[in-house]
């Protein structure tokens, strides 16, 4: 059965272009919360958000049940068919209804995270 993915709409639209879109500067885990910070190339965003070249983001993920990081080259070899560098897996069968599985593809790594909630924020630009 093929998995179904949904692009996640952010403050700067959908983030396309896979590997070249999202750059990760820091990854912090405190208990069951992850905080990812970095930059997004505006060339990979919807056209109306290309006023600046780079957007700084913070992705706060709460209620993390599990996550894995996969080298981006190995991730692409798996043949997953996401359309965006920031996606949600819709067809994952899980015993807990309030859990979500999100995928964020950065320049070097892909993170697959099962969590209760997340907040994506644009915190600056340049």
PDB file of N, CA and C in Angstrom:
ATOM      1  N   UNK A   1       0.841  -1.189   0.000  1.00  0.00           N
ATOM      2  CA  UNK A   1       0.000   0.000   0.000  1.00  0.00           C
ATOM      3  C   UNK A   1       0.883   1.249   0.000  1.00  0.00           C
ATOM      4  N   UNK A   2       0.605   2.137  -0.926  1.00  0.00           N
ATOM      5  CA  UNK A   2       1.397   3.354  -1.020  1.00  0.00           C
ATOM      6  C   UNK A   2       0.967   4.345   0.055  1.00  0.00           C
ATOM      7  N   UNK A   3       1.937   4.991   0.649  1.00  0.00           N
ATOM      8  CA  UNK A   3       1.648   5.973   1.693  1.00  0.00           C
ATOM      9  C   UNK A   3       1.163   7.275   1.082  1.00  0.00           C
ATOM     10  N   UNK A   4       0.358   7.999   1.846  1.00  0.00           N
ATOM     11  CA  UNK A   4      -0.198   9.273   1.394  1.00  0.00           C
ATOM     12  C   UNK A   4       0.421  10.390   2.229  1.00  0.00           C
ATOM     13  N   UNK A   5       0.947  11.399   1.554  1.00  0.00           N
ATOM     14  CA  UNK A   5       1.589  12.527   2.215  1.00  0.00           C
ATOM     15  C   UNK A   5       0.834  13.806   1.890  1.00  0.00           C
ATOM     16  N   UNK A   6       0.810  14.712   2.850  1.00  0.00           N
ATOM     17  CA  UNK A   6       0.183  16.020   2.652  1.00  0.00           C
ATOM     18  C   UNK A   6       1.253  17.086   2.890  1.00  0.00           C
ATOM     19  N   UNK A   7       1.363  18.044   1.976  1.00  0.00           N
ATOM     20  CA  UNK A   7       2.261  19.170   2.191  1.00  0.00           C
ATOM     21  C   UNK A   7       1.749  19.991   3.370  1.00  0.00           C
ATOM     22  N   UNK A   8       2.638  20.443   4.211  1.00  0.00           N
ATOM     23  CA  UNK A   8       2.244  21.280   5.340  1.00  0.00           C
ATOM     24  C   UNK A   8       2.366  22.734   4.919  1.00  0.00           C
ATOM     25  N   UNK A   9       1.280  23.463   5.029  1.00  0.00           N
ATOM     26  CA  UNK A   9       1.267  24.886   4.683  1.00  0.00           C
ATOM     27  C   UNK A   9       1.842  25.670   5.861  1.00  0.00           C
ATOM     28  N   UNK A  10       2.848  26.491   5.598  1.00  0.00           N
ATOM     29  CA  UNK A  10       3.506  27.284   6.639  1.00  0.00           C
ATOM     30  C   UNK A  10       3.235  28.768   6.405  1.00  0.00           C
ATOM     31  N   UNK A  11       3.838  29.605   7.222  1.00  0.00           N
ATOM     32  CA  UNK A  11       3.703  31.056   7.062  1.00  0.00           C
ATOM     33  C   UNK A  11       4.288  31.547   5.747  1.00  0.00           C
ATOM     34  N   UNK A  12       5.128  30.735   5.110  1.00  0.00           N
ATOM     35  CA  UNK A  12       5.718  31.100   3.823  1.00  0.00           C
ATOM     36  C   UNK A  12       5.271  30.126   2.731  1.00  0.00           C
ATOM     37  N   UNK A  13       4.108  29.536   2.924  1.00  0.00           N
ATOM     38  CA  UNK A  13       3.537  28.622   1.945  1.00  0.00           C
ATOM     39  C   UNK A  13       4.121  27.227   2.053  1.00  0.00           C
ATOM     40  N   UNK A  14       3.965  26.472   0.984  1.00  0.00           N
ATOM     41  CA  UNK A  14       4.534  25.126   0.928  1.00  0.00           C
ATOM     42  C   UNK A  14       6.013  25.232   0.609  1.00  0.00           C
ATOM     43  N   UNK A  15       6.793  24.369   1.204  1.00  0.00           N
ATOM     44  CA  UNK A  15       8.244  24.413   1.010  1.00  0.00           C
ATOM     45  C   UNK A  15       8.616  23.274   0.065  1.00  0.00           C
ATOM     46  N   UNK A  16       8.996  23.630  -1.139  1.00  0.00           N
ATOM     47  CA  UNK A  16       9.322  22.621  -2.142  1.00  0.00           C
ATOM     48  C   UNK A  16      10.816  22.412  -2.272  1.00  0.00           C
ATOM     49  N   UNK A  17      11.213  21.812  -3.377  1.00  0.00           N
ATOM     50  CA  UNK A  17      12.610  21.630  -3.789  1.00  0.00           C
ATOM     51  C   UNK A  17      13.410  20.696  -2.914  1.00  0.00           C
ATOM     52  N   UNK A  18      12.756  20.008  -2.012  1.00  0.00           N
ATOM     53  CA  UNK A  18      13.423  18.981  -1.222  1.00  0.00           C
ATOM     54  C   UNK A  18      14.691  19.468  -0.542  1.00  0.00           C
ATOM     55  N   UNK A  19      15.803  18.802  -0.812  1.00  0.00           N
ATOM     56  CA  UNK A  19      17.060  18.983  -0.104  1.00  0.00           C
ATOM     57  C   UNK A  19      17.567  20.432  -0.053  1.00  0.00           C
ATOM     58  N   UNK A  20      17.370  21.204  -1.077  1.00  0.00           N
ATOM     59  CA  UNK A  20      17.922  22.562  -1.126  1.00  0.00           C
ATOM     60  C   UNK A  20      17.071  23.603  -0.424  1.00  0.00           C
ATOM     61  N   UNK A  21      15.978  23.203   0.169  1.00  0.00           N
ATOM     62  CA  UNK A  21      15.054  24.169   0.751  1.00  0.00           C
ATOM     63  C   UNK A  21      15.355  24.502   2.207  1.00  0.00           C
ATOM     64  N   UNK A  22      15.513  23.487   3.040  1.00  0.00           N
ATOM     65  CA  UNK A  22      15.584  23.683   4.492  1.00  0.00           C
ATOM     66  C   UNK A  22      16.991  23.356   4.992  1.00  0.00           C
ATOM     67  N   UNK A  23      17.570  24.300   5.682  1.00  0.00           N
ATOM     68  CA  UNK A  23      18.887  24.110   6.284  1.00  0.00           C
ATOM     69  C   UNK A  23      18.715  24.114   7.798  1.00  0.00           C
ATOM     70  N   UNK A  24      19.357  23.174   8.453  1.00  0.00           N
ATOM     71  CA  UNK A  24      19.228  23.015   9.903  1.00  0.00           C
ATOM     72  C   UNK A  24      20.495  23.511  10.576  1.00  0.00           C
ATOM     73  N   UNK A  25      20.340  24.473  11.495  1.00  0.00           N
ATOM     74  CA  UNK A  25      21.474  24.994  12.249  1.00  0.00           C
ATOM     75  C   UNK A  25      21.581  24.370  13.628  1.00  0.00           C
ATOM     76  N   UNK A  26      20.431  24.076  14.263  1.00  0.00           N
ATOM     77  CA  UNK A  26      20.479  23.466  15.596  1.00  0.00           C
ATOM     78  C   UNK A  26      19.298  22.530  15.805  1.00  0.00           C
ATOM     79  N   UNK A  27      19.560  21.502  16.603  1.00  0.00           N
ATOM     80  CA  UNK A  27      18.573  20.475  16.935  1.00  0.00           C
ATOM     81  C   UNK A  27      18.723  20.233  18.426  1.00  0.00           C
ATOM     82  N   UNK A  28      17.650  20.474  19.168  1.00  0.00           N
ATOM     83  CA  UNK A  28      17.718  20.346  20.622  1.00  0.00           C
ATOM     84  C   UNK A  28      16.571  19.466  21.099  1.00  0.00           C
ATOM     85  N   UNK A  29      16.895  18.535  21.978  1.00  0.00           N
ATOM     86  CA  UNK A  29      15.864  17.691  22.578  1.00  0.00           C
ATOM     87  C   UNK A  29      15.864  17.905  24.075  1.00  0.00           C
ATOM     88  N   UNK A  30      14.687  18.224  24.624  1.00  0.00           N
ATOM     89  CA  UNK A  30      14.479  18.313  26.054  1.00  0.00           C
ATOM     90  C   UNK A  30      13.262  17.459  26.368  1.00  0.00           C
ATOM     91  N   UNK A  31      13.513  16.346  27.041  1.00  0.00           N
ATOM     92  CA  UNK A  31      12.463  15.370  27.335  1.00  0.00           C
ATOM     93  C   UNK A  31      11.758  14.972  26.038  1.00  0.00           C
ATOM     94  N   UNK A  32      10.469  15.212  25.918  1.00  0.00           N
ATOM     95  CA  UNK A  32       9.750  14.807  24.698  1.00  0.00           C
ATOM     96  C   UNK A  32       9.425  15.993  23.793  1.00  0.00           C
ATOM     97  N   UNK A  33      10.282  17.010  23.824  1.00  0.00           N
ATOM     98  CA  UNK A  33      10.142  18.172  22.952  1.00  0.00           C
ATOM     99  C   UNK A  33      11.410  18.329  22.115  1.00  0.00           C
ATOM    100  N   UNK A  34      11.222  18.555  20.821  1.00  0.00           N
ATOM    101  CA  UNK A  34      12.334  18.844  19.918  1.00  0.00           C
ATOM    102  C   UNK A  34      12.203  20.277  19.425  1.00  0.00           C
ATOM    103  N   UNK A  35      13.337  20.954  19.300  1.00  0.00           N
ATOM    104  CA  UNK A  35      13.349  22.296  18.722  1.00  0.00           C
ATOM    105  C   UNK A  35      14.401  22.307  17.617  1.00  0.00           C
ATOM    106  N   UNK A  36      13.935  22.573  16.403  1.00  0.00           N
ATOM    107  CA  UNK A  36      14.815  22.674  15.248  1.00  0.00           C
ATOM    108  C   UNK A  36      14.837  24.127  14.815  1.00  0.00           C
ATOM    109  N   UNK A  37      16.039  24.642  14.543  1.00  0.00           N
ATOM    110  CA  UNK A  37      16.191  26.014  14.061  1.00  0.00           C
ATOM    111  C   UNK A  37      17.106  26.013  12.855  1.00  0.00           C
ATOM    112  N   UNK A  38      16.819  26.911  11.928  1.00  0.00           N
ATOM    113  CA  UNK A  38      17.648  27.023  10.748  1.00  0.00           C
ATOM    114  C   UNK A  38      17.090  28.047   9.788  1.00  0.00           C
ATOM    115  N   UNK A  39      17.375  27.844   8.499  1.00  0.00           N
ATOM    116  CA  UNK A  39      16.930  28.780   7.481  1.00  0.00           C
ATOM    117  C   UNK A  39      16.303  28.036   6.301  1.00  0.00           C
ATOM    118  N   UNK A  40      15.417  28.746   5.615  1.00  0.00           N
ATOM    119  CA  UNK A  40      14.751  28.219   4.438  1.00  0.00           C
ATOM    120  C   UNK A  40      15.041  29.153   3.277  1.00  0.00           C
ATOM    121  N   UNK A  41      15.425  28.585   2.160  1.00  0.00           N
ATOM    122  CA  UNK A  41      15.667  29.372   0.956  1.00  0.00           C
ATOM    123  C   UNK A  41      14.325  29.812   0.375  1.00  0.00           C
ATOM    124  N   UNK A  42      14.158  31.094   0.180  1.00  0.00           N
ATOM    125  CA  UNK A  42      12.883  31.604  -0.341  1.00  0.00           C
ATOM    126  C   UNK A  42      12.632  31.140  -1.775  1.00  0.00           C
ATOM    127  N   UNK A  43      13.673  30.740  -2.477  1.00  0.00           N
ATOM    128  CA  UNK A  43      13.478  30.250  -3.849  1.00  0.00           C
ATOM    129  C   UNK A  43      12.675  28.953  -3.872  1.00  0.00           C
ATOM    130  N   UNK A  44      12.522  28.326  -2.718  1.00  0.00           N
ATOM    131  CA  UNK A  44      11.768  27.068  -2.611  1.00  0.00           C
ATOM    132  C   UNK A  44      10.376  27.282  -2.032  1.00  0.00           C
ATOM    133  N   UNK A  45       9.997  28.538  -1.819  1.00  0.00           N
ATOM    134  CA  UNK A  45       8.696  28.867  -1.246  1.00  0.00           C
ATOM    135  C   UNK A  45       7.747  29.361  -2.342  1.00  0.00           C
ATOM    136  N   UNK A  46       6.490  29.536  -1.974  1.00  0.00           N
ATOM    137  CA  UNK A  46       5.541  30.136  -2.906  1.00  0.00           C
ATOM    138  C   UNK A  46       6.075  31.499  -3.359  1.00  0.00           C
ATOM    139  N   UNK A  47       5.792  31.871  -4.590  1.00  0.00           N
ATOM    140  CA  UNK A  47       6.357  33.108  -5.157  1.00  0.00           C
ATOM    141  C   UNK A  47       6.067  34.352  -4.346  1.00  0.00           C
ATOM    142  N   UNK A  48       4.925  34.406  -3.706  1.00  0.00           N
ATOM    143  CA  UNK A  48       4.587  35.623  -2.961  1.00  0.00           C
ATOM    144  C   UNK A  48       5.442  35.806  -1.705  1.00  0.00           C
ATOM    145  N   UNK A  49       6.267  34.831  -1.365  1.00  0.00           N
ATOM    146  CA  UNK A  49       7.131  34.937  -0.178  1.00  0.00           C
ATOM    147  C   UNK A  49       8.602  35.040  -0.560  1.00  0.00           C
ATOM    148  N   UNK A  50       8.902  35.596  -1.690  1.00  0.00           N
ATOM    149  CA  UNK A  50      10.291  35.672  -2.139  1.00  0.00           C
ATOM    150  C   UNK A  50      10.894  37.062  -1.972  1.00  0.00           C
ATOM    151  N   UNK A  51      10.300  37.861  -1.116  1.00  0.00           N
ATOM    152  CA  UNK A  51      10.811  39.209  -0.864  1.00  0.00           C
ATOM    153  C   UNK A  51      12.215  39.170  -0.258  1.00  0.00           C
ATOM    154  N   UNK A  52      12.474  38.180   0.583  1.00  0.00           N
ATOM    155  CA  UNK A  52      13.783  38.013   1.221  1.00  0.00           C
ATOM    156  C   UNK A  52      14.410  36.732   0.684  1.00  0.00           C
ATOM    157  N   UNK A  53      15.712  36.656   0.743  1.00  0.00           N
ATOM    158  CA  UNK A  53      16.380  35.458   0.219  1.00  0.00           C
ATOM    159  C   UNK A  53      16.281  34.280   1.179  1.00  0.00           C
ATOM    160  N   UNK A  54      16.371  34.545   2.482  1.00  0.00           N
ATOM    161  CA  UNK A  54      16.343  33.496   3.492  1.00  0.00           C
ATOM    162  C   UNK A  54      15.353  33.845   4.592  1.00  0.00           C
ATOM    163  N   UNK A  55      14.654  32.825   5.072  1.00  0.00           N
ATOM    164  CA  UNK A  55      13.764  32.965   6.227  1.00  0.00           C
ATOM    165  C   UNK A  55      14.274  32.064   7.338  1.00  0.00           C
ATOM    166  N   UNK A  56      14.437  32.662   8.519  1.00  0.00           N
ATOM    167  CA  UNK A  56      14.850  31.872   9.686  1.00  0.00           C
ATOM    168  C   UNK A  56      13.603  31.279  10.322  1.00  0.00           C
ATOM    169  N   UNK A  57      13.683  30.010  10.685  1.00  0.00           N
ATOM    170  CA  UNK A  57      12.529  29.322  11.253  1.00  0.00           C
ATOM    171  C   UNK A  57      12.867  28.666  12.583  1.00  0.00           C
ATOM    172  N   UNK A  58      11.825  28.387  13.326  1.00  0.00           N
ATOM    173  CA  UNK A  58      11.919  27.534  14.509  1.00  0.00           C
ATOM    174  C   UNK A  58      10.747  26.565  14.432  1.00  0.00           C
ATOM    175  N   UNK A  59      11.052  25.292  14.527  1.00  0.00           N
ATOM    176  CA  UNK A  59      10.042  24.243  14.537  1.00  0.00           C
ATOM    177  C   UNK A  59      10.083  23.597  15.920  1.00  0.00           C
ATOM    178  N   UNK A  60       9.007  23.787  16.684  1.00  0.00           N
ATOM    179  CA  UNK A  60       8.903  23.211  18.022  1.00  0.00           C
ATOM    180  C   UNK A  60       7.925  22.044  17.941  1.00  0.00           C
ATOM    181  N   UNK A  61       8.402  20.885  18.336  1.00  0.00           N
ATOM    182  CA  UNK A  61       7.608  19.663  18.233  1.00  0.00           C
ATOM    183  C   UNK A  61       7.418  19.109  19.639  1.00  0.00           C
ATOM    184  N   UNK A  62       6.156  19.000  20.057  1.00  0.00           N
ATOM    185  CA  UNK A  62       5.847  18.577  21.426  1.00  0.00           C
ATOM    186  C   UNK A  62       5.177  17.211  21.439  1.00  0.00           C
ATOM    187  N   UNK A  63       5.317  16.536  22.566  1.00  0.00           N
ATOM    188  CA  UNK A  63       4.704  15.223  22.707  1.00  0.00           C
ATOM    189  C   UNK A  63       5.309  14.200  21.765  1.00  0.00           C
ATOM    190  N   UNK A  64       6.631  14.255  21.612  1.00  0.00           N
ATOM    191  CA  UNK A  64       7.307  13.347  20.688  1.00  0.00           C
ATOM    192  C   UNK A  64       7.255  11.927  21.244  1.00  0.00           C
ATOM    193  N   UNK A  65       6.715  11.046  20.460  1.00  0.00           N
ATOM    194  CA  UNK A  65       6.644   9.628  20.837  1.00  0.00           C
ATOM    195  C   UNK A  65       7.885   8.903  20.330  1.00  0.00           C
ATOM    196  N   UNK A  66       8.274   9.213  19.091  1.00  0.00           N
ATOM    197  CA  UNK A  66       9.500   8.637  18.534  1.00  0.00           C
ATOM    198  C   UNK A  66       9.934   9.482  17.343  1.00  0.00           C
ATOM    199  N   UNK A  67      11.217   9.382  17.026  1.00  0.00           N
ATOM    200  CA  UNK A  67      11.711  10.016  15.812  1.00  0.00           C
ATOM    201  C   UNK A  67      12.927   9.261  15.326  1.00  0.00           C
ATOM    202  N   UNK A  68      13.181   9.436  14.054  1.00  0.00           N
ATOM    203  CA  UNK A  68      14.394   8.885  13.479  1.00  0.00           C
ATOM    204  C   UNK A  68      14.981   9.897  12.513  1.00  0.00           C
ATOM    205  N   UNK A  69      16.277   9.865  12.418  1.00  0.00           N
ATOM    206  CA  UNK A  69      16.953  10.701  11.432  1.00  0.00           C
ATOM    207  C   UNK A  69      17.657   9.771  10.457  1.00  0.00           C
ATOM    208  N   UNK A  70      17.545  10.116   9.185  1.00  0.00           N
ATOM    209  CA  UNK A  70      18.112   9.300   8.124  1.00  0.00           C
ATOM    210  C   UNK A  70      18.938  10.222   7.234  1.00  0.00           C
ATOM    211  N   UNK A  71      20.137   9.806   6.904  1.00  0.00           N
ATOM    212  CA  UNK A  71      20.941  10.562   5.960  1.00  0.00           C
ATOM    213  C   UNK A  71      20.107  10.804   4.709  1.00  0.00           C
ATOM    214  N   UNK A  72      20.115  12.014   4.204  1.00  0.00           N
ATOM    215  CA  UNK A  72      19.210  12.393   3.116  1.00  0.00           C
ATOM    216  C   UNK A  72      19.408  11.528   1.863  1.00  0.00           C
ATOM    217  N   UNK A  73      20.635  11.135   1.583  1.00  0.00           N
ATOM    218  CA  UNK A  73      20.879  10.274   0.412  1.00  0.00           C
ATOM    219  C   UNK A  73      20.202   8.916   0.597  1.00  0.00           C
ATOM    220  N   UNK A  74      20.305   8.335   1.793  1.00  0.00           N
ATOM    221  CA  UNK A  74      19.663   7.051   2.084  1.00  0.00           C
ATOM    222  C   UNK A  74      18.143   7.194   2.076  1.00  0.00           C
ATOM    223  N   UNK A  75      17.654   8.329   2.565  1.00  0.00           N
ATOM    224  CA  UNK A  75      16.216   8.591   2.577  1.00  0.00           C
ATOM    225  C   UNK A  75      15.662   8.588   1.152  1.00  0.00           C
ATOM    226  N   UNK A  76      16.346   9.259   0.231  1.00  0.00           N
ATOM    227  CA  UNK A  76      15.888   9.301  -1.155  1.00  0.00           C
ATOM    228  C   UNK A  76      15.937   7.923  -1.808  1.00  0.00           C
ATOM    229  N   UNK A  77      16.884   7.083  -1.416  1.00  0.00           N
ATOM    230  CA  UNK A  77      16.963   5.730  -1.962  1.00  0.00           C
ATOM    231  C   UNK A  77      15.754   4.882  -1.578  1.00  0.00           C
ATOM    232  N   UNK A  78      15.068   5.247  -0.495  1.00  0.00           N
ATOM    233  CA  UNK A  78      13.874   4.511  -0.071  1.00  0.00           C
ATOM    234  C   UNK A  78      12.684   4.756  -1.010  1.00  0.00           C
ATOM    235  N   UNK A  79      12.787   5.778  -1.850  1.00  0.00           N
ATOM    236  CA  UNK A  79      11.746   6.039  -2.847  1.00  0.00           C
ATOM    237  C   UNK A  79      10.458   6.620  -2.278  1.00  0.00           C
ATOM    238  N   UNK A  80      10.528   7.335  -1.169  1.00  0.00           N
ATOM    239  CA  UNK A  80       9.333   7.961  -0.606  1.00  0.00           C
ATOM    240  C   UNK A  80       8.903   9.101  -1.518  1.00  0.00           C
ATOM    241  N   UNK A  81       7.603   9.312  -1.658  1.00  0.00           N
ATOM    242  CA  UNK A  81       7.087  10.246  -2.661  1.00  0.00           C
ATOM    243  C   UNK A  81       6.476  11.491  -2.047  1.00  0.00           C
ATOM    244  N   UNK A  82       7.229  12.187  -1.233  1.00  0.00           N
ATOM    245  CA  UNK A  82       6.748  13.451  -0.687  1.00  0.00           C
ATOM    246  C   UNK A  82       6.915  14.525  -1.757  1.00  0.00           C
ATOM    247  N   UNK A  83       6.014  15.492  -1.777  1.00  0.00           N
ATOM    248  CA  UNK A  83       6.079  16.580  -2.751  1.00  0.00           C
ATOM    249  C   UNK A  83       6.725  17.826  -2.162  1.00  0.00           C
ATOM    250  N   UNK A  84       6.897  17.835  -0.864  1.00  0.00           N
ATOM    251  CA  UNK A  84       7.378  19.009  -0.154  1.00  0.00           C
ATOM    252  C   UNK A  84       8.493  18.603   0.804  1.00  0.00           C
ATOM    253  N   UNK A  85       9.326  19.558   1.175  1.00  0.00           N
ATOM    254  CA  UNK A  85      10.377  19.288   2.147  1.00  0.00           C
ATOM    255  C   UNK A  85       9.829  19.240   3.574  1.00  0.00           C
ATOM    256  N   UNK A  86       8.546  19.576   3.747  1.00  0.00           N
ATOM    257  CA  UNK A  86       7.893  19.534   5.056  1.00  0.00           C
ATOM    258  C   UNK A  86       6.510  18.945   4.845  1.00  0.00           C
ATOM    259  N   UNK A  87       6.328  17.685   5.261  1.00  0.00           N
ATOM    260  CA  UNK A  87       5.118  16.932   4.943  1.00  0.00           C
ATOM    261  C   UNK A  87       4.568  16.221   6.166  1.00  0.00           C
ATOM    262  N   UNK A  88       3.334  15.776   6.024  1.00  0.00           N
ATOM    263  CA  UNK A  88       2.705  14.945   7.046  1.00  0.00           C
ATOM    264  C   UNK A  88       2.274  13.639   6.400  1.00  0.00           C
ATOM    265  N   UNK A  89       2.548  12.544   7.081  1.00  0.00           N
ATOM    266  CA  UNK A  89       2.125  11.235   6.628  1.00  0.00           C
ATOM    267  C   UNK A  89       0.695  11.023   7.088  1.00  0.00           C
ATOM    268  N   UNK A  90      -0.240  10.811   6.140  1.00  0.00           N
ATOM    269  CA  UNK A  90      -1.660  10.738   6.479  1.00  0.00           C
ATOM    270  C   UNK A  90      -2.171   9.336   6.748  1.00  0.00           C
ATOM    271  N   UNK A  91      -1.568   8.341   6.170  1.00  0.00           N
ATOM    272  CA  UNK A  91      -2.137   7.001   6.257  1.00  0.00           C
ATOM    273  C   UNK A  91      -1.456   6.099   7.286  1.00  0.00           C
ATOM    274  N   UNK A  92      -0.708   6.655   8.164  1.00  0.00           N
ATOM    275  CA  UNK A  92      -0.012   5.867   9.177  1.00  0.00           C
ATOM    276  C   UNK A  92      -1.028   5.322  10.172  1.00  0.00           C
ATOM    277  N   UNK A  93      -1.058   4.024  10.356  1.00  0.00           N
ATOM    278  CA  UNK A  93      -1.977   3.445  11.340  1.00  0.00           C
ATOM    279  C   UNK A  93      -1.282   3.445  12.699  1.00  0.00           C
ATOM    280  N   UNK A  94      -1.933   4.058  13.635  1.00  0.00           N
ATOM    281  CA  UNK A  94      -1.359   4.204  14.967  1.00  0.00           C
ATOM    282  C   UNK A  94      -2.461   3.965  15.984  1.00  0.00           C
ATOM    283  N   UNK A  95      -2.091   3.422  17.103  1.00  0.00           N
ATOM    284  CA  UNK A  95      -3.100   3.115  18.112  1.00  0.00           C
ATOM    285  C   UNK A  95      -3.605   4.369  18.823  1.00  0.00           C
ATOM    286  N   UNK A  96      -2.912   5.466  18.714  1.00  0.00           N
ATOM    287  CA  UNK A  96      -3.325   6.706  19.368  1.00  0.00           C
ATOM    288  C   UNK A  96      -3.753   7.717  18.312  1.00  0.00           C
ATOM    289  N   UNK A  97      -5.013   8.126  18.368  1.00  0.00           N
ATOM    290  CA  UNK A  97      -5.580   9.012  17.345  1.00  0.00           C
ATOM    291  C   UNK A  97      -4.974  10.407  17.333  1.00  0.00           C
ATOM    292  N   UNK A  98      -4.456  10.874  18.457  1.00  0.00           N
ATOM    293  CA  UNK A  98      -3.975  12.249  18.508  1.00  0.00           C
ATOM    294  C   UNK A  98      -2.507  12.385  18.096  1.00  0.00           C
ATOM    295  N   UNK A  99      -1.914  11.340  17.572  1.00  0.00           N
ATOM    296  CA  UNK A  99      -0.533  11.414  17.115  1.00  0.00           C
ATOM    297  C   UNK A  99      -0.483  11.724  15.622  1.00  0.00           C
ATOM    298  N   UNK A 100       0.558  12.455  15.233  1.00  0.00           N
ATOM    299  CA  UNK A 100       0.784  12.806  13.829  1.00  0.00           C
ATOM    300  C   UNK A 100       2.213  12.413  13.481  1.00  0.00           C
ATOM    301  N   UNK A 101       2.444  12.097  12.228  1.00  0.00           N
ATOM    302  CA  UNK A 101       3.801  11.817  11.768  1.00  0.00           C
ATOM    303  C   UNK A 101       4.165  12.874  10.738  1.00  0.00           C
ATOM    304  N   UNK A 102       5.219  13.627  11.039  1.00  0.00           N
ATOM    305  CA  UNK A 102       5.682  14.668  10.126  1.00  0.00           C
ATOM    306  C   UNK A 102       7.072  14.300   9.617  1.00  0.00           C
ATOM    307  N   UNK A 103       7.387  14.821   8.450  1.00  0.00           N
ATOM    308  CA  UNK A 103       8.692  14.584   7.837  1.00  0.00           C
ATOM    309  C   UNK A 103       9.264  15.936   7.432  1.00  0.00           C
ATOM    310  N   UNK A 104      10.474  16.203   7.880  1.00  0.00           N
ATOM    311  CA  UNK A 104      11.165  17.424   7.467  1.00  0.00           C
ATOM    312  C   UNK A 104      12.483  16.992   6.818  1.00  0.00           C
ATOM    313  N   UNK A 105      12.656  17.405   5.561  1.00  0.00           N
ATOM    314  CA  UNK A 105      13.840  17.043   4.795  1.00  0.00           C
ATOM    315  C   UNK A 105      14.777  18.241   4.763  1.00  0.00           C
ATOM    316  N   UNK A 106      15.924  18.107   5.416  1.00  0.00           N
ATOM    317  CA  UNK A 106      16.909  19.184   5.423  1.00  0.00           C
ATOM    318  C   UNK A 106      18.004  18.860   4.410  1.00  0.00           C
ATOM    319  N   UNK A 107      18.998  19.706   4.343  1.00  0.00           N
ATOM    320  CA  UNK A 107      20.061  19.507   3.362  1.00  0.00           C
ATOM    321  C   UNK A 107      20.787  18.179   3.580  1.00  0.00           C
ATOM    322  N   UNK A 108      21.035  17.818   4.835  1.00  0.00           N
ATOM    323  CA  UNK A 108      21.809  16.615   5.132  1.00  0.00           C
ATOM    324  C   UNK A 108      21.000  15.439   5.670  1.00  0.00           C
ATOM    325  N   UNK A 109      19.870  15.722   6.327  1.00  0.00           N
ATOM    326  CA  UNK A 109      19.118  14.684   7.022  1.00  0.00           C
ATOM    327  C   UNK A 109      17.625  14.812   6.769  1.00  0.00           C
ATOM    328  N   UNK A 110      16.939  13.691   6.860  1.00  0.00           N
ATOM    329  CA  UNK A 110      15.477  13.663   6.883  1.00  0.00           C
ATOM    330  C   UNK A 110      15.081  13.207   8.281  1.00  0.00           C
ATOM    331  N   UNK A 111      14.120  13.906   8.873  1.00  0.00           N
ATOM    332  CA  UNK A 111      13.628  13.564  10.208  1.00  0.00           C
ATOM    333  C   UNK A 111      12.180  13.115  10.075  1.00  0.00           C
ATOM    334  N   UNK A 112      11.897  11.940  10.583  1.00  0.00           N
ATOM    335  CA  UNK A 112      10.542  11.401  10.603  1.00  0.00           C
ATOM    336  C   UNK A 112      10.135  11.364  12.071  1.00  0.00           C
ATOM    337  N   UNK A 113       9.115  12.151  12.422  1.00  0.00           N
ATOM    338  CA  UNK A 113       8.792  12.394  13.828  1.00  0.00           C
ATOM    339  C   UNK A 113       7.320  12.104  14.082  1.00  0.00           C
ATOM    340  N   UNK A 114       7.041  11.254  15.061  1.00  0.00           N
ATOM    341  CA  UNK A 114       5.677  10.998  15.511  1.00  0.00           C
ATOM    342  C   UNK A 114       5.473  11.808  16.776  1.00  0.00           C
ATOM    343  N   UNK A 115       4.462  12.695  16.755  1.00  0.00           N
ATOM    344  CA  UNK A 115       4.293  13.647  17.848  1.00  0.00           C
ATOM    345  C   UNK A 115       2.818  13.974  18.063  1.00  0.00           C
ATOM    346  N   UNK A 116       2.553  14.714  19.102  1.00  0.00           N
ATOM    347  CA  UNK A 116       1.191  15.183  19.376  1.00  0.00           C
ATOM    348  C   UNK A 116       0.904  16.506  18.667  1.00  0.00           C
ATOM    349  N   UNK A 117       1.873  17.406  18.644  1.00  0.00           N
ATOM    350  CA  UNK A 117       1.656  18.715  18.024  1.00  0.00           C
ATOM    351  C   UNK A 117       2.984  19.346  17.629  1.00  0.00           C
ATOM    352  N   UNK A 118       2.903  20.334  16.744  1.00  0.00           N
ATOM    353  CA  UNK A 118       4.092  21.084  16.361  1.00  0.00           C
ATOM    354  C   UNK A 118       3.688  22.507  16.011  1.00  0.00           C
ATOM    355  N   UNK A 119       4.654  23.402  16.159  1.00  0.00           N
ATOM    356  CA  UNK A 119       4.462  24.806  15.800  1.00  0.00           C
ATOM    357  C   UNK A 119       5.649  25.210  14.931  1.00  0.00           C
ATOM    358  N   UNK A 120       5.340  25.663  13.724  1.00  0.00           N
ATOM    359  CA  UNK A 120       6.356  26.149  12.796  1.00  0.00           C
ATOM    360  C   UNK A 120       6.251  27.663  12.767  1.00  0.00           C
ATOM    361  N   UNK A 121       7.356  28.355  13.059  1.00  0.00           N
ATOM    362  CA  UNK A 121       7.341  29.821  13.098  1.00  0.00           C
ATOM    363  C   UNK A 121       8.483  30.384  12.268  1.00  0.00           C
ATOM    364  N   UNK A 122       8.194  31.451  11.547  1.00  0.00           N
ATOM    365  CA  UNK A 122       9.240  32.245  10.911  1.00  0.00           C
ATOM    366  C   UNK A 122       9.640  33.285  11.945  1.00  0.00           C
ATOM    367  N   UNK A 123      10.917  33.295  12.311  1.00  0.00           N
ATOM    368  CA  UNK A 123      11.358  34.173  13.393  1.00  0.00           C
ATOM    369  C   UNK A 123      12.213  35.339  12.919  1.00  0.00           C
ATOM    370  N   UNK A 124      12.644  35.304  11.636  1.00  0.00           N
ATOM    371  CA  UNK A 124      13.442  36.406  11.105  1.00  0.00           C
ATOM    372  C   UNK A 124      13.641  36.161   9.603  1.00  0.00           C
ATOM    373  N   UNK A 125      14.318  37.071   8.954  1.00  0.00           N
ATOM    374  CA  UNK A 125      14.620  36.939   7.540  1.00  0.00           C
ATOM    375  C   UNK A 125      15.868  37.739   7.239  1.00  0.00           C
ATOM    376  N   UNK A 126      16.453  37.488   6.075  1.00  0.00           N
ATOM    377  CA  UNK A 126      17.627  38.260   5.628  1.00  0.00           C
ATOM    378  C   UNK A 126      17.683  38.278   4.124  1.00  0.00           C
TER     379      UNK A 126
END
